[in-house]
C-alpha atoms as a PDB file:
ATOM      1  CA  MET A   1      -0.010  -0.021   0.010  1.00  0.00           C
ATOM      2  CA  TYR A   2       1.267   3.505  -0.880  1.00  0.00           C
ATOM      3  CA  LEU A   3       0.720   5.997   1.914  1.00  0.00           C
ATOM      4  CA  ILE A   4       0.948   9.070  -0.306  1.00  0.00           C
ATOM      5  CA  THR A   5       0.347   9.579  -4.084  1.00  0.00           C
ATOM      6  CA  PHE A   6       2.223  12.598  -5.301  1.00  0.00           C
ATOM      7  CA  ALA A   7       0.778  14.062  -8.562  1.00  0.00           C
ATOM      8  CA  VAL A   8       3.260  16.143 -10.486  1.00  0.00           C
ATOM      9  CA  PRO A   9       1.610  18.100 -13.322  1.00  0.00           C
ATOM     10  CA  CYS A  10       4.377  19.115 -15.817  1.00  0.00           C
ATOM     11  CA  TYR A  11       4.412  21.441 -18.887  1.00  0.00           C
ATOM     12  CA  ASN A  12       7.782  22.078 -20.470  1.00  0.00           C
ATOM     13  CA  SER A  13       9.365  21.427 -17.076  1.00  0.00           C
ATOM     14  CA  ALA A  14      12.569  19.740 -18.360  1.00  0.00           C
ATOM     15  CA  GLY A  15      14.752  22.441 -16.846  1.00  0.00           C
ATOM     16  CA  TYR A  16      13.771  21.881 -13.203  1.00  0.00           C
ATOM     17  CA  MET A  17      11.512  18.752 -12.804  1.00  0.00           C
ATOM     18  CA  ARG A  18      14.289  16.441 -11.708  1.00  0.00           C
ATOM     19  CA  ARG A  19      14.901  18.341  -8.344  1.00  0.00           C
ATOM     20  CA  CYS A  20      11.143  17.974  -7.621  1.00  0.00           C
ATOM     21  CA  ILE A  21      10.977  14.289  -8.375  1.00  0.00           C
ATOM     22  CA  ASP A  22      14.216  13.410  -6.720  1.00  0.00           C
ATOM     23  CA  THR A  23      12.876  14.871  -3.361  1.00  0.00           C
ATOM     24  CA  LEU A  24       9.737  12.821  -3.709  1.00  0.00           C
ATOM     25  CA  LEU A  25      11.655   9.716  -4.247  1.00  0.00           C
ATOM     26  CA  THR A  26      13.269   9.982  -0.819  1.00  0.00           C
ATOM     27  CA  GLY A  27       9.913   8.754   0.489  1.00  0.00           C
ATOM     28  CA  GLY A  28      10.846   5.336  -0.800  1.00  0.00           C
ATOM     29  CA  GLU A  29       8.313   2.497  -1.077  1.00  0.00           C
ATOM     30  CA  ASP A  30       5.669   4.490   0.927  1.00  0.00           C
ATOM     31  CA  VAL A  31       5.037   6.863  -1.950  1.00  0.00           C
ATOM     32  CA  GLU A  32       3.609   6.766  -5.486  1.00  0.00           C
ATOM     33  CA  ILE A  33       4.698   9.361  -8.012  1.00  0.00           C
ATOM     34  CA  ILE A  34       2.502  10.160 -10.990  1.00  0.00           C
ATOM     35  CA  ILE A  35       4.182  12.517 -13.439  1.00  0.00           C
ATOM     36  CA  VAL A  36       1.715  13.926 -15.914  1.00  0.00           C
ATOM     37  CA  ASN A  37       3.254  15.326 -19.074  1.00  0.00           C
ATOM     38  CA  ASP A  38       0.591  17.864 -20.083  1.00  0.00           C
ATOM     39  CA  GLY A  39       1.368  18.275 -23.756  1.00  0.00           C
ATOM     40  CA  SER A  40       4.985  19.468 -23.361  1.00  0.00           C
ATOM     41  CA  THR A  41       7.122  20.411 -26.381  1.00  0.00           C
ATOM     42  CA  ASP A  42      10.465  19.986 -24.696  1.00  0.00           C
ATOM     43  CA  GLU A  43      12.026  16.899 -23.117  1.00  0.00           C
ATOM     44  CA  THR A  44       9.568  16.627 -20.243  1.00  0.00           C
ATOM     45  CA  GLY A  45       8.093  13.438 -21.571  1.00  0.00           C
ATOM     46  CA  LYS A  46      11.390  11.807 -22.015  1.00  0.00           C
ATOM     47  CA  ILE A  47      12.524  12.593 -18.544  1.00  0.00           C
ATOM     48  CA  ALA A  48       9.186  11.303 -17.095  1.00  0.00           C
ATOM     49  CA  ARG A  49       9.678   8.022 -18.984  1.00  0.00           C
ATOM     50  CA  GLU A  50      13.286   7.770 -17.559  1.00  0.00           C
ATOM     51  CA  TYR A  51      12.062   7.911 -14.070  1.00  0.00           C
ATOM     52  CA  ALA A  52       9.210   5.430 -14.723  1.00  0.00           C
ATOM     53  CA  GLU A  53      11.671   2.935 -16.200  1.00  0.00           C
ATOM     54  CA  ARG A  54      14.030   3.269 -13.206  1.00  0.00           C
ATOM     55  CA  PHE A  55      11.446   3.277 -10.360  1.00  0.00           C
ATOM     56  CA  PRO A  56       8.545   0.942  -9.991  1.00  0.00           C
ATOM     57  CA  ASN A  57       6.680   3.458  -7.926  1.00  0.00           C
ATOM     58  CA  VAL A  58       6.744   6.135 -10.656  1.00  0.00           C
ATOM     59  CA  THR A  59       4.125   6.336 -13.415  1.00  0.00           C
ATOM     60  CA  ALA A  60       4.579   8.580 -16.381  1.00  0.00           C
ATOM     61  CA  VAL A  61       1.414   9.780 -18.200  1.00  0.00           C
ATOM     62  CA  ASN A  62       1.315  11.663 -21.510  1.00  0.00           C
ATOM     63  CA  GLN A  63      -1.796  13.660 -22.374  1.00  0.00           C
ATOM     64  CA  GLU A  64      -2.860  16.523 -24.611  1.00  0.00           C
ATOM     65  CA  ASN A  65      -2.398  19.948 -23.035  1.00  0.00           C
ATOM     66  CA  GLY A  66      -5.302  20.650 -20.625  1.00  0.00           C
ATOM     67  CA  GLY A  67      -3.653  22.891 -18.112  1.00  0.00           C
ATOM     68  CA  HIS A  68      -2.632  22.455 -14.542  1.00  0.00           C
ATOM     69  CA  GLY A  69      -6.175  21.338 -13.444  1.00  0.00           C
ATOM     70  CA  SER A  70      -6.157  18.615 -16.069  1.00  0.00           C
ATOM     71  CA  GLY A  71      -2.909  17.294 -14.683  1.00  0.00           C
ATOM     72  CA  VAL A  72      -4.306  17.236 -11.144  1.00  0.00           C
ATOM     73  CA  ASN A  73      -7.444  15.479 -12.287  1.00  0.00           C
ATOM     74  CA  LYS A  74      -5.516  12.757 -14.006  1.00  0.00           C
ATOM     75  CA  GLY A  75      -3.209  12.238 -10.990  1.00  0.00           C
ATOM     76  CA  LEU A  76      -6.302  11.853  -8.735  1.00  0.00           C
ATOM     77  CA  GLU A  77      -7.960   9.440 -11.211  1.00  0.00           C
ATOM     78  CA  LEU A  78      -4.957   7.139 -11.044  1.00  0.00           C
ATOM     79  CA  ALA A  79      -3.948   7.582  -7.478  1.00  0.00           C
ATOM     80  CA  ARG A  80      -3.517   4.387  -5.438  1.00  0.00           C
ATOM     81  CA  GLY A  81      -2.204   6.109  -2.232  1.00  0.00           C
ATOM     82  CA  LEU A  82      -4.223   6.516   0.926  1.00  0.00           C
ATOM     83  CA  TYR A  83      -3.353  10.206   0.766  1.00  0.00           C
ATOM     84  CA  PHE A  84      -2.998  12.588  -2.214  1.00  0.00           C
ATOM     85  CA  LYS A  85      -0.803  15.604  -2.694  1.00  0.00           C
ATOM     86  CA  VAL A  86      -0.061  17.813  -5.659  1.00  0.00           C
ATOM     87  CA  VAL A  87       3.570  19.057  -6.058  1.00  0.00           C
ATOM     88  CA  ASP A  88       4.211  21.380  -8.882  1.00  0.00           C
ATOM     89  CA  SER A  89       7.183  20.460 -11.060  1.00  0.00           C
ATOM     90  CA  ASP A  90       9.131  23.643 -10.182  1.00  0.00           C
ATOM     91  CA  ASP A  91       8.715  23.054  -6.444  1.00  0.00           C
ATOM     92  CA  TRP A  92      10.106  20.430  -4.082  1.00  0.00           C
ATOM     93  CA  LEU A  93       9.740  18.882  -0.569  1.00  0.00           C
ATOM     94  CA  GLU A  94      12.161  19.052   2.309  1.00  0.00           C
ATOM     95  CA  THR A  95      13.398  15.418   2.797  1.00  0.00           C
ATOM     96  CA  ALA A  96      13.574  15.438   6.623  1.00  0.00           C
ATOM     97  CA  ALA A  97      10.061  16.994   6.885  1.00  0.00           C
ATOM     98  CA  LEU A  98       8.722  14.340   4.374  1.00  0.00           C
ATOM     99  CA  HIS A  99      10.157  11.458   6.550  1.00  0.00           C
ATOM    100  CA  THR A 100       8.458  13.129   9.644  1.00  0.00           C
ATOM    101  CA  LEU A 101       5.223  13.171   7.797  1.00  0.00           C
ATOM    102  CA  LEU A 102       5.442   9.510   6.740  1.00  0.00           C
ATOM    103  CA  ASP A 103       6.391   8.414  10.285  1.00  0.00           C
ATOM    104  CA  THR A 104       3.390  10.228  11.559  1.00  0.00           C
ATOM    105  CA  LEU A 105       1.082   8.699   9.110  1.00  0.00           C
ATOM    106  CA  TRP A 106       2.303   5.185   9.885  1.00  0.00           C
ATOM    107  CA  GLU A 107       1.859   5.810  13.693  1.00  0.00           C
ATOM    108  CA  HIS A 108      -1.679   7.056  13.119  1.00  0.00           C
ATOM    109  CA  LEU A 109      -2.544   4.079  10.987  1.00  0.00           C
ATOM    110  CA  GLU A 110      -1.182   1.696  13.593  1.00  0.00           C
ATOM    111  CA  GLN A 111      -3.218   3.468  16.271  1.00  0.00           C
ATOM    112  CA  ASP A 112      -6.273   3.525  13.952  1.00  0.00           C
ATOM    113  CA  THR A 113      -6.418   7.317  14.222  1.00  0.00           C
ATOM    114  CA  PRO A 114      -5.721   8.621  10.751  1.00  0.00           C
ATOM    115  CA  ALA A 115      -6.778  12.116   9.892  1.00  0.00           C
ATOM    116  CA  ASP A 116      -8.891  13.225   6.860  1.00  0.00           C
ATOM    117  CA  LEU A 117      -6.487  16.152   6.261  1.00  0.00           C
ATOM    118  CA  TYR A 118      -2.937  16.716   7.327  1.00  0.00           C
ATOM    119  CA  LEU A 119      -1.698  20.326   7.317  1.00  0.00           C
ATOM    120  CA  THR A 120       1.883  21.439   7.245  1.00  0.00           C
ATOM    121  CA  ASN A 121       3.828  24.744   6.672  1.00  0.00           C
ATOM    122  CA  PHE A 122       5.127  25.817   3.291  1.00  0.00           C
ATOM    123  CA  VAL A 123       8.017  28.084   2.342  1.00  0.00           C
ATOM    124  CA  TYR A 124       8.050  30.735  -0.248  1.00  0.00           C
ATOM    125  CA  GLU A 125      11.444  30.414  -1.943  1.00  0.00           C
ATOM    126  CA  LYS A 126      12.975  32.999  -4.173  1.00  0.00           C
ATOM    127  CA  VAL A 127      16.176  31.211  -4.911  1.00  0.00           C
ATOM    128  CA  VAL A 128      17.633  34.008  -7.119  1.00  0.00           C
ATOM    129  CA  GLU A 129      17.687  36.355  -4.140  1.00  0.00           C
ATOM    130  CA  ASN A 130      18.286  33.667  -1.542  1.00  0.00           C
ATOM    131  CA  ALA A 131      15.083  34.992   0.277  1.00  0.00           C
ATOM    132  CA  ARG A 132      12.261  32.953   1.845  1.00  0.00           C
ATOM    133  CA  PHE A 133       9.159  33.398   3.898  1.00  0.00           C
ATOM    134  CA  VAL A 134       7.594  30.535   5.967  1.00  0.00           C
ATOM    135  CA  ARG A 135       3.771  30.367   6.088  1.00  0.00           C
ATOM    136  CA  ARG A 136       2.939  28.708   9.410  1.00  0.00           C
ATOM    137  CA  TYR A 137      -0.394  28.040  10.971  1.00  0.00           C
ATOM    138  CA  THR A 138       0.545  27.836  14.640  1.00  0.00           C
ATOM    139  CA  GLU A 139      -1.947  30.478  15.409  1.00  0.00           C
ATOM    140  CA  ASN A 140      -4.792  28.675  13.867  1.00  0.00           C
ATOM    141  CA  PHE A 141      -4.422  25.005  14.732  1.00  0.00           C
ATOM    142  CA  PRO A 142      -3.693  22.917  17.670  1.00  0.00           C
ATOM    143  CA  GLN A 143      -0.353  20.927  17.375  1.00  0.00           C
ATOM    144  CA  GLY A 144       0.432  17.217  17.861  1.00  0.00           C
ATOM    145  CA  ARG A 145      -3.120  15.884  18.109  1.00  0.00           C
ATOM    146  CA  LEU A 146      -6.296  15.273  16.076  1.00  0.00           C
ATOM    147  CA  PHE A 147      -8.874  18.102  16.199  1.00  0.00           C
ATOM    148  CA  GLY A 148     -12.026  19.178  14.554  1.00  0.00           C
ATOM    149  CA  TRP A 149     -12.984  22.424  12.750  1.00  0.00           C
ATOM    150  CA  ASN A 150     -14.708  23.667  15.900  1.00  0.00           C
ATOM    151  CA  GLU A 151     -11.122  24.116  17.405  1.00  0.00           C
ATOM    152  CA  VAL A 152      -9.780  26.118  14.537  1.00  0.00           C
ATOM    153  CA  LYS A 153      -9.002  29.775  15.403  1.00  0.00           C
ATOM    154  CA  ARG A 154      -9.929  32.561  13.130  1.00  0.00           C
ATOM    155  CA  PHE A 155      -7.830  33.290  10.034  1.00  0.00           C
ATOM    156  CA  ARG A 156      -6.973  36.916   9.443  1.00  0.00           C
ATOM    157  CA  ASN A 157      -5.930  39.123   6.600  1.00  0.00           C
ATOM    158  CA  SER A 158      -4.681  37.225   3.580  1.00  0.00           C
ATOM    159  CA  ASN A 159      -3.806  34.059   5.429  1.00  0.00           C
ATOM    160  CA  VAL A 160      -5.559  31.004   3.937  1.00  0.00           C
ATOM    161  CA  LEU A 161      -4.881  27.326   3.291  1.00  0.00           C
ATOM    162  CA  LEU A 162      -3.128  26.749   0.045  1.00  0.00           C
ATOM    163  CA  MET A 163      -2.706  23.518  -1.853  1.00  0.00           C
ATOM    164  CA  HIS A 164       0.928  23.457  -0.802  1.00  0.00           C
ATOM    165  CA  SER A 165       0.013  23.086   2.940  1.00  0.00           C
ATOM    166  CA  MET A 166      -2.575  20.250   2.288  1.00  0.00           C
ATOM    167  CA  LEU A 167      -2.464  16.422   2.299  1.00  0.00           C
ATOM    168  CA  TYR A 168      -6.071  15.044   1.719  1.00  0.00           C
ATOM    169  CA  ARG A 169      -7.266  11.530   2.179  1.00  0.00           C
ATOM    170  CA  THR A 170      -7.757  10.347  -1.373  1.00  0.00           C
ATOM    171  CA  ASP A 171     -11.249   8.950  -0.685  1.00  0.00           C
ATOM    172  CA  LYS A 172     -12.293  12.144   0.719  1.00  0.00           C
ATOM    173  CA  LEU A 173     -11.185  14.082  -2.411  1.00  0.00           C
ATOM    174  CA  ARG A 174     -13.153  11.706  -4.599  1.00  0.00           C
ATOM    175  CA  GLU A 175     -16.184  11.829  -2.284  1.00  0.00           C
ATOM    176  CA  SER A 176     -16.130  15.570  -2.606  1.00  0.00           C
ATOM    177  CA  GLY A 177     -16.493  15.243  -6.434  1.00  0.00           C
ATOM    178  CA  VAL A 178     -13.751  17.887  -6.976  1.00  0.00           C
ATOM    179  CA  VAL A 179     -12.885  18.210 -10.782  1.00  0.00           C
ATOM    180  CA  LEU A 180     -10.726  21.114 -11.701  1.00  0.00           C
ATOM    181  CA  PRO A 181     -11.438  23.072 -14.882  1.00  0.00           C
ATOM    182  CA  GLU A 182      -9.156  22.660 -17.794  1.00  0.00           C
ATOM    183  CA  HIS A 183      -7.118  25.396 -19.512  1.00  0.00           C
ATOM    184  CA  THR A 184      -7.386  27.576 -16.497  1.00  0.00           C
ATOM    185  CA  PHE A 185      -4.691  28.752 -14.091  1.00  0.00           C
ATOM    186  CA  TYR A 186      -5.273  29.289 -10.356  1.00  0.00           C
ATOM    187  CA  VAL A 187      -7.437  26.235  -9.991  1.00  0.00           C
ATOM    188  CA  ASP A 188      -5.481  25.215  -6.820  1.00  0.00           C
ATOM    189  CA  ASN A 189      -7.844  27.693  -5.005  1.00  0.00           C
ATOM    190  CA  ILE A 190     -10.678  25.331  -5.865  1.00  0.00           C
ATOM    191  CA  PHE A 191      -8.664  22.334  -4.761  1.00  0.00           C
ATOM    192  CA  ALA A 192      -7.994  23.975  -1.414  1.00  0.00           C
ATOM    193  CA  TYR A 193     -11.597  24.888  -0.890  1.00  0.00           C
ATOM    194  CA  LYS A 194     -14.259  22.623  -2.316  1.00  0.00           C
ATOM    195  CA  PRO A 195     -13.281  19.336  -0.494  1.00  0.00           C
ATOM    196  CA  LEU A 196     -13.093  20.935   3.007  1.00  0.00           C
ATOM    197  CA  PRO A 197     -16.549  20.038   4.198  1.00  0.00           C
ATOM    198  CA  TYR A 198     -15.667  16.251   3.601  1.00  0.00           C
ATOM    199  CA  THR A 199     -12.848  16.540   6.166  1.00  0.00           C
ATOM    200  CA  LYS A 200     -13.759  15.977   9.769  1.00  0.00           C
ATOM    201  CA  LYS A 201     -10.511  14.993  11.408  1.00  0.00           C
ATOM    202  CA  LEU A 202      -7.625  17.306  11.018  1.00  0.00           C
ATOM    203  CA  TYR A 203      -3.939  17.144  12.158  1.00  0.00           C
ATOM    204  CA  TYR A 204      -1.415  19.999  11.906  1.00  0.00           C
ATOM    205  CA  MET A 205       2.348  19.481  11.869  1.00  0.00           C
ATOM    206  CA  ASN A 206       4.650  22.379  12.455  1.00  0.00           C
ATOM    207  CA  ILE A 207       7.090  21.266   9.769  1.00  0.00           C
ATOM    208  CA  ASP A 208       8.331  23.154   6.648  1.00  0.00           C
ATOM    209  CA  LEU A 209       7.511  20.515   4.159  1.00  0.00           C
ATOM    210  CA  TYR A 210       6.675  22.244   0.867  1.00  0.00           C
ATOM    211  CA  ARG A 211       9.124  24.548  -0.901  1.00  0.00           C
ATOM    212  CA  TYR A 212       7.185  26.871  -3.239  1.00  0.00           C
ATOM    213  CA  TYR A 213       9.497  28.364  -5.941  1.00  0.00           C
ATOM    214  CA  ILE A 214       8.838  32.022  -6.742  1.00  0.00           C
ATOM    215  CA  GLY A 215      10.580  34.164  -9.444  1.00  0.00           C
ATOM    216  CA  ARG A 216      10.313  32.743 -12.827  1.00  0.00           C
ATOM    217  CA  GLU A 217       9.033  35.289 -15.406  1.00  0.00           C
ATOM    218  CA  ASP A 218       6.721  32.679 -17.028  1.00  0.00           C
ATOM    219  CA  GLN A 219       5.215  31.612 -13.656  1.00  0.00           C
ATOM    220  CA  SER A 220       1.521  31.816 -13.400  1.00  0.00           C
ATOM    221  CA  VAL A 221       1.710  33.718 -10.111  1.00  0.00           C
ATOM    222  CA  ASN A 222       3.753  36.446 -11.585  1.00  0.00           C
ATOM    223  CA  ARG A 223       1.755  39.554 -11.205  1.00  0.00           C
ATOM    224  CA  GLU A 224       1.881  40.607 -14.898  1.00  0.00           C
ATOM    225  CA  ASN A 225       0.667  37.176 -15.903  1.00  0.00           C
ATOM    226  CA  ILE A 226      -2.286  37.220 -13.461  1.00  0.00           C
ATOM    227  CA  VAL A 227      -3.338  40.684 -14.663  1.00  0.00           C
ATOM    228  CA  LYS A 228      -3.354  39.289 -18.229  1.00  0.00           C
ATOM    229  CA  ARG A 229      -5.312  36.225 -17.211  1.00  0.00           C
ATOM    230  CA  TYR A 230      -7.938  37.915 -15.166  1.00  0.00           C
ATOM    231  CA  ARG A 231     -10.800  36.047 -16.892  1.00  0.00           C
ATOM    232  CA  GLN A 232      -9.259  32.774 -15.675  1.00  0.00           C
ATOM    233  CA  GLN A 233      -9.198  34.171 -12.167  1.00  0.00           C
ATOM    234  CA  ILE A 234     -12.835  35.193 -12.487  1.00  0.00           C
ATOM    235  CA  ARG A 235     -13.689  31.678 -13.666  1.00  0.00           C
ATOM    236  CA  VAL A 236     -12.081  30.191 -10.650  1.00  0.00           C
ATOM    237  CA  MET A 237     -14.023  32.546  -8.439  1.00  0.00           C
ATOM    238  CA  LYS A 238     -17.240  31.531 -10.025  1.00  0.00           C
ATOM    239  CA  GLU A 239     -16.397  27.875  -9.515  1.00  0.00           C
ATOM    240  CA  MET A 240     -15.811  28.494  -5.779  1.00  0.00           C
ATOM    241  CA  LEU A 241     -18.982  30.474  -5.481  1.00  0.00           C
ATOM    242  CA  ASN A 242     -21.047  27.778  -7.211  1.00  0.00           C
ATOM    243  CA  ALA A 243     -19.583  24.932  -4.929  1.00  0.00           C
ATOM    244  CA  TYR A 244     -21.636  26.147  -1.907  1.00  0.00           C
ATOM    245  CA  SER A 245     -24.188  28.855  -1.158  1.00  0.00           C
ATOM    246  CA  TYR A 246     -24.095  31.052   1.836  1.00  0.00           C
ATOM    247  CA  ARG A 247     -26.831  28.944   3.341  1.00  0.00           C
ATOM    248  CA  ASP A 248     -24.731  25.811   2.714  1.00  0.00           C
ATOM    249  CA  LEU A 249     -21.831  27.310   4.538  1.00  0.00           C
ATOM    250  CA  ASN A 250     -23.851  28.334   7.537  1.00  0.00           C
ATOM    251  CA  LYS A 251     -24.973  24.687   8.003  1.00  0.00           C
ATOM    252  CA  LEU A 252     -21.270  23.600   8.527  1.00  0.00           C
ATOM    253  CA  GLN A 253     -19.415  23.707  11.875  1.00  0.00           C
ATOM    254  CA  SER A 254     -18.731  27.225  12.913  1.00  0.00           C
ATOM    255  CA  GLY A 255     -14.940  27.003  12.522  1.00  0.00           C
ATOM    256  CA  LEU A 256     -15.246  25.564   8.978  1.00  0.00           C
ATOM    257  CA  SER A 257     -18.051  27.950   7.992  1.00  0.00           C
ATOM    258  CA  GLN A 258     -16.057  30.906   9.217  1.00  0.00           C
ATOM    259  CA  TYR A 259     -12.839  29.791   7.436  1.00  0.00           C
ATOM    260  CA  MET A 260     -14.551  29.072   4.099  1.00  0.00           C
ATOM    261  CA  LYS A 261     -16.283  32.458   4.054  1.00  0.00           C
ATOM    262  CA  HIS A 262     -12.834  34.068   4.884  1.00  0.00           C
ATOM    263  CA  ASP A 263     -11.283  32.110   1.958  1.00  0.00           C
ATOM    264  CA  LEU A 264     -13.941  33.340  -0.354  1.00  0.00           C
ATOM    265  CA  GLY A 265     -13.189  36.938   0.731  1.00  0.00           C
ATOM    266  CA  VAL A 266      -9.548  36.562   0.003  1.00  0.00           C
ATOM    267  CA  VAL A 267      -9.949  35.039  -3.474  1.00  0.00           C
ATOM    268  CA  MET A 268     -12.570  37.645  -4.329  1.00  0.00           C
ATOM    269  CA  THR A 269     -10.111  40.246  -3.283  1.00  0.00           C
ATOM    270  CA  LEU A 270      -7.498  38.762  -5.473  1.00  0.00           C
ATOM    271  CA  THR A 271      -9.940  38.507  -8.370  1.00  0.00           C
ATOM    272  CA  MET A 272     -10.788  42.304  -8.077  1.00  0.00           C
ATOM    273  CA  MET A 273      -7.103  43.079  -7.695  1.00  0.00           C
ATOM    274  CA  PHE A 274      -6.050  41.491 -11.008  1.00  0.00           C
ATOM    275  CA  THR A 275      -9.245  42.528 -12.889  1.00  0.00           C
ATOM    276  CA  THR A 276      -8.825  46.239 -11.960  1.00  0.00           C
ATOM    277  CA  GLY A 277      -5.081  46.197 -12.036  1.00  0.00           C
ATOM    278  CA  GLY A 278      -4.682  45.887 -15.818  1.00  0.00           C
ATOM    279  CA  LYS A 279      -4.082  48.857 -18.091  1.00  0.00           C
ATOM    280  CA  GLU A 280      -5.391  47.242 -21.111  1.00  0.00           C
ATOM    281  CA  ASN A 281      -9.026  46.291 -22.126  1.00  0.00           C
ATOM    282  CA  ILE A 282     -10.454  48.535 -19.282  1.00  0.00           C
ATOM    283  CA  ALA A 283     -13.957  48.371 -20.728  1.00  0.00           C
ATOM    284  CA  GLU A 284     -14.011  44.610 -20.941  1.00  0.00           C
ATOM    285  CA  ARG A 285     -12.584  44.304 -17.396  1.00  0.00           C
ATOM    286  CA  LYS A 286     -15.259  46.690 -16.037  1.00  0.00           C
ATOM    287  CA  ILE A 287     -17.981  44.556 -17.774  1.00  0.00           C
ATOM    288  CA  ALA A 288     -16.487  41.301 -16.457  1.00  0.00           C
ATOM    289  CA  LEU A 289     -16.332  42.431 -12.873  1.00  0.00           C
ATOM    290  CA  LYS A 290     -19.758  43.971 -13.045  1.00  0.00           C
ATOM    291  CA  GLU A 291     -21.155  40.657 -14.336  1.00  0.00           C
ATOM    292  CA  LEU A 292     -19.425  38.684 -11.612  1.00  0.00           C
ATOM    293  CA  TRP A 293     -21.082  40.757  -8.826  1.00  0.00           C
ATOM    294  CA  GLU A 294     -24.473  41.030 -10.563  1.00  0.00           C
ATOM    295  CA  ASN A 295     -24.632  37.157 -11.148  1.00  0.00           C
ATOM    296  CA  LEU A 296     -23.732  36.565  -7.513  1.00  0.00           C
ATOM    297  CA  ARG A 297     -26.512  39.013  -6.332  1.00  0.00           C
ATOM    298  CA  ARG A 298     -29.042  37.277  -8.464  1.00  0.00           C
ATOM    299  CA  LYS A 299     -28.056  33.749  -7.414  1.00  0.00           C
ATOM    300  CA  ASP A 300     -27.117  34.160  -3.731  1.00  0.00           C
ATOM    301  CA  GLU A 301     -28.028  37.625  -2.281  1.00  0.00           C
ATOM    302  CA  LYS A 302     -26.653  36.720   1.195  1.00  0.00           C
ATOM    303  CA  MET A 303     -23.302  35.755  -0.168  1.00  0.00           C
ATOM    304  CA  TYR A 304     -23.322  38.977  -2.252  1.00  0.00           C
ATOM    305  CA  SER A 305     -24.033  40.961   0.825  1.00  0.00           C
ATOM    306  CA  TYR A 306     -21.314  39.199   2.834  1.00  0.00           C
ATOM    307  CA  LEU A 307     -18.483  39.746   0.227  1.00  0.00           C
ATOM    308  CA  ARG A 308     -19.546  43.386  -0.424  1.00  0.00           C
ATOM    309  CA  ARG A 309     -19.091  44.013   3.320  1.00  0.00           C
ATOM    310  CA  SER A 310     -15.874  42.192   3.590  1.00  0.00           C
ATOM    311  CA  TYR A 311     -12.608  44.060   3.820  1.00  0.00           C
ATOM    312  CA  PRO A 312     -10.890  44.861   1.495  1.00  0.00           C
ATOM    313  CA  ALA A 313     -13.599  43.991  -1.066  1.00  0.00           C
ATOM    314  CA  LEU A 314     -15.122  47.362   0.062  1.00  0.00           C
ATOM    315  CA  VAL A 315     -12.781  49.037  -2.331  1.00  0.00           C
ATOM    316  CA  ASN A 316     -15.126  47.866  -5.093  1.00  0.00           C
ATOM    317  CA  TRP A 317     -17.304  50.853  -4.273  1.00  0.00           C
ATOM    318  CA  LEU A 318     -14.421  53.086  -5.489  1.00  0.00           C
ATOM    319  CA  PRO A 319     -14.092  54.208  -9.124  1.00  0.00           C
ATOM    320  CA  PHE A 320     -12.576  51.452 -11.253  1.00  0.00           C
ATOM    321  CA  ARG A 321      -9.090  52.876 -11.842  1.00  0.00           C
ATOM    322  CA  LEU A 322      -8.775  54.042  -8.206  1.00  0.00           C
ATOM    323  CA  CYS A 323      -9.880  50.534  -7.212  1.00  0.00           C
ATOM    324  CA  GLY A 324      -6.991  49.136  -9.337  1.00  0.00           C
ATOM    325  CA  THR A 325      -4.478  51.560  -7.788  1.00  0.00           C
ATOM    326  CA  VAL A 326      -5.442  50.702  -4.260  1.00  0.00           C
ATOM    327  CA  MET A 327      -5.397  46.993  -4.963  1.00  0.00           C
ATOM    328  CA  SER A 328      -1.987  47.194  -6.675  1.00  0.00           C
ATOM    329  CA  CYS A 329      -0.516  49.034  -3.765  1.00  0.00           C
ATOM    330  CA  GLY A 330      -1.936  46.262  -1.394  1.00  0.00           C
ATOM    331  CA  TYR A 331      -0.456  43.567  -3.619  1.00  0.00           C
ATOM    332  CA  LYS A 332       3.011  45.170  -3.775  1.00  0.00           C
ATOM    333  CA  PHE A 333       3.021  45.505   0.007  1.00  0.00           C
ATOM    334  CA  PHE A 334       2.071  41.826   0.509  1.00  0.00           C
ATOM    335  CA  ARG A 335       4.721  40.597  -2.040  1.00  0.00           C
ATOM    336  CA  ASN A 336       7.415  42.812  -0.657  1.00  0.00           C
ATOM    337  CA  LYS A 337       6.509  41.469   2.880  1.00  0.00           C
ATOM    338  CA  LEU A 338       7.080  37.911   1.549  1.00  0.00           C
ATOM    339  CA  LYS A 339      10.136  38.954  -0.404  1.00  0.00           C
ATOM    340  CA  CYS A 340       8.513  37.190  -3.280  1.00  0.00           C
ATOM    341  CA  SER A 341       8.713  39.619  -6.203  1.00  0.00           C
END
C-alpha cells in the first residue's frame, strides 16, 4: 500500500522537474509518484519516462495539453495512495520533513487514528535572491493531536490554506467530487476549498514541508501574468461560489463555515485586484467584474452582501481605476513582505 500519491503536473518542465521528483523519491516505497506530461514540447516526456523505467513506484502519463487542473485530475484518477498531494514541477519537498510526515502517518494508522486532512507549513522560496518566507499555521491550529473544525481559530488578513499546505485523504477528495477546470490557471484555489466539508478529522504538523518556488518570469503567479489572465481568475472565483451557497456554509461547523467565508473573501479580493489592475481592455474588465457581482447577487444575495461588506472588498465601491490603484498597492506590500517579487 502506498501512503501518499504525489501528482506532478508538468508542462515544459525539463529544466527543473528532476529536483522535484528526486525529493519525492526520498519517500521510498511509501510513496507513489504520478508524473503527468501535459502536452509539453520539450524533453519533459522523455525525462518522465526515464524515471518510470528506473523506479517501480513512478508512473509517467502523457496527455494533450489541458492545463494544471487537467494534470491534477489525471493524478487523482490514477492515485493508489491512501493520501494525495499535488507537487508542482518547479517546487520540491524538504526530505527530513517528508520523513517526519510519513512516520506520523504510519503511527496514526497503527493506532487507527488517521486524519482526513494533514496540514503542514510551506515556504516561499525566491532562490535567485536567496530569500524565503515561511507560512505557518501555529496561530490557527492545535499541534500534535487530532482536532475538528470547531477548534480552528480565526484566520486573518490574507492568510488562507493553500494546496501546498494540504494532504487530503484520497477517498475524501473523490467523495467531494472535485474536478478542476481545464485550460485555467489558479485552480489550486478550488482544490483547497471545495473538499473541506468532507474533512472532519484534522492534524497539523509544524514542519516546513513544501518549498514553493517564486521568481520565474513565465510563472502563473507572476503579477503581470495574473493581470493578463484575469478572466481565468474570475472563472475560478465563479467555480468556488457555485460550490456552496451562503446557506450551505452556515450549516457547517462554525470554524469551518467561518474559514470558508474568509477564504472566499480573500480570493474575491485577488480577483478584483487583478481585474482592476490591468491597463489594457479597461472596458472589458469593467464589464467582467460587474457581471461577476451581478450574477452573484441574483443567485445568492446573502453571499453577495457578505462579500460586499468584507474588507478589502469594500474598495469595489471606488471608481474602477482608483480601485485598481489601491489593489495594486496592497499587492505590492504583500509581495514585498514575503520577499517574493
